[in-house]
Amino acid sequence: MEATPKELRIYVTEESREPFTEWMASLRDIKARAKIRVRLDRVSLGNFGDCHGVGEGVQELRIDYGPGYRVYFGQDGAAIVLLLCGGDKSTQVKDIDTAKRYWNEYRRRP
């Protein structure tokens, strides 16, 4: 089975914030940022790797580096991956709740 390319988009809140972009910019570990970008490049090629659902249509990408970085996203149709937010193992429960809220807000939009 061949992987299907995906278009990565960044979720924008109703207040015009980009939580995923803000989280990436807040990471001081340059190597971590690079590893996350490489992982997202693979996702754009359709290769999700270590990924699983966390409920309500939200998926979690696990990056095995440092404190266990996580990227949360939803899929809008077959071709769009919407990056919602990120975090690490220590903030996982809160991040999952936040990602679900963002995803539900996005799906309610016209």
Protein backbone atom coordinates (compact mmCIF):
# COMPACT_ATOMS: atom_id res chain seq x y z
CA MET A 1 0.00 0.00 0.00
CA GLU A 2 1.37 3.37 -1.00
CA ALA A 3 1.23 6.36 1.36
CA THR A 4 -0.95 9.28 0.27
CA PRO A 5 0.61 12.76 0.52
CA LYS A 6 -1.01 15.15 3.00
CA GLU A 7 -1.31 18.92 3.16
CA LEU A 8 -0.24 20.21 6.57
CA ARG A 9 -2.18 23.20 7.86
CA ILE A 10 -1.90 25.11 11.12
CA TYR A 11 -5.00 25.57 13.26
CA VAL A 12 -5.85 29.25 13.86
CA THR A 13 -8.06 30.10 16.84
CA GLU A 14 -10.97 32.51 16.62
CA GLU A 15 -8.61 35.04 18.25
CA SER A 16 -6.14 34.57 15.34
CA ARG A 17 -3.61 32.64 17.46
CA GLU A 18 -1.66 29.66 16.14
CA PRO A 19 -1.10 27.40 19.17
CA PHE A 20 1.08 24.91 17.30
CA THR A 21 3.32 27.64 15.86
CA GLU A 22 3.58 29.30 19.28
CA TRP A 23 4.54 26.00 20.90
CA MET A 24 7.24 25.27 18.29
CA ALA A 25 8.66 28.77 18.70
CA SER A 26 8.79 28.28 22.48
CA LEU A 27 11.02 25.20 22.24
CA ARG A 28 14.56 26.15 23.20
CA ASP A 29 16.02 22.81 22.12
CA ILE A 30 16.98 23.37 18.47
CA LYS A 31 17.55 19.64 17.92
CA ALA A 32 14.02 18.93 19.19
CA ARG A 33 12.56 21.46 16.75
CA ALA A 34 14.51 19.84 13.92
CA LYS A 35 13.31 16.33 14.87
CA ILE A 36 9.70 17.53 15.00
CA ARG A 37 10.04 19.21 11.58
CA VAL A 38 11.51 16.04 10.07
CA ARG A 39 8.64 14.05 11.55
CA LEU A 40 6.11 16.49 10.07
CA ASP A 41 7.85 16.20 6.69
CA ARG A 42 7.22 12.44 6.87
CA VAL A 43 3.58 13.05 7.77
CA SER A 44 3.24 15.27 4.69
CA LEU A 45 4.38 12.26 2.65
CA GLY A 46 1.67 10.15 4.29
CA ASN A 47 3.97 8.32 6.72
CA PHE A 48 2.56 8.90 10.22
CA GLY A 49 4.79 6.46 12.10
CA ASP A 50 4.25 6.33 15.89
CA CYS A 51 0.76 7.80 16.02
CA HIS A 52 -2.53 6.92 17.68
CA GLY A 53 -5.98 8.33 18.36
CA VAL A 54 -6.70 10.06 21.67
CA GLY A 55 -10.43 10.53 21.10
CA GLU A 56 -12.93 12.82 19.37
CA GLY A 57 -11.02 12.65 16.09
CA VAL A 58 -7.71 13.90 17.52
CA GLN A 59 -4.48 12.02 16.82
CA GLU A 60 -1.20 12.13 18.75
CA LEU A 61 2.20 11.90 17.06
CA ARG A 62 4.82 10.70 19.50
CA ILE A 63 8.39 11.89 19.01
CA ASP A 64 10.87 9.72 20.87
CA TYR A 65 13.27 12.45 21.92
CA GLY A 66 13.89 14.47 25.08
CA PRO A 67 10.86 14.65 27.37
CA GLY A 68 8.68 12.75 24.88
CA TYR A 69 7.36 15.45 22.57
CA ARG A 70 3.80 15.14 21.23
CA VAL A 71 2.08 16.80 18.27
CA TYR A 72 -1.73 16.78 18.18
CA PHE A 73 -3.69 16.97 14.95
CA GLY A 74 -6.97 16.19 13.23
CA GLN A 75 -7.56 15.03 9.68
CA ASP A 76 -9.97 17.07 7.58
CA GLY A 77 -10.89 14.70 4.79
CA ALA A 78 -8.34 12.41 3.20
CA ALA A 79 -5.70 14.99 2.32
CA ILE A 80 -5.55 17.65 5.07
CA VAL A 81 -3.75 17.31 8.40
CA LEU A 82 -4.56 20.18 10.76
CA LEU A 83 -1.82 20.74 13.37
CA LEU A 84 -3.58 21.75 16.59
CA CYS A 85 -0.97 22.02 19.35
CA GLY A 86 2.05 20.34 20.86
CA GLY A 87 3.51 19.41 24.19
CA ASP A 88 5.42 16.66 25.95
CA LYS A 89 4.71 13.72 28.21
CA SER A 90 4.52 15.95 31.32
CA THR A 91 1.64 18.03 29.91
CA GLN A 92 -0.04 15.25 27.93
CA VAL A 93 -3.41 15.16 29.72
CA LYS A 94 -3.88 18.93 29.47
CA ASP A 95 -2.62 19.00 25.88
CA ILE A 96 -5.06 16.29 24.79
CA ASP A 97 -7.98 18.22 26.30
CA THR A 98 -6.79 21.40 24.58
CA ALA A 99 -6.37 19.62 21.23
CA LYS A 100 -9.89 18.16 21.47
CA ARG A 101 -11.29 21.61 22.22
CA TYR A 102 -9.45 23.14 19.24
CA TRP A 103 -10.57 20.32 16.93
CA ASN A 104 -14.20 20.65 18.00
CA GLU A 105 -14.04 24.44 17.53
CA TYR A 106 -12.58 23.94 14.04
CA ARG A 107 -15.28 21.45 13.02
CA ARG A 108 -18.06 23.80 14.15
CA ARG A 109 -16.89 26.55 11.80
CA PRO A 110 -18.85 27.13 8.59
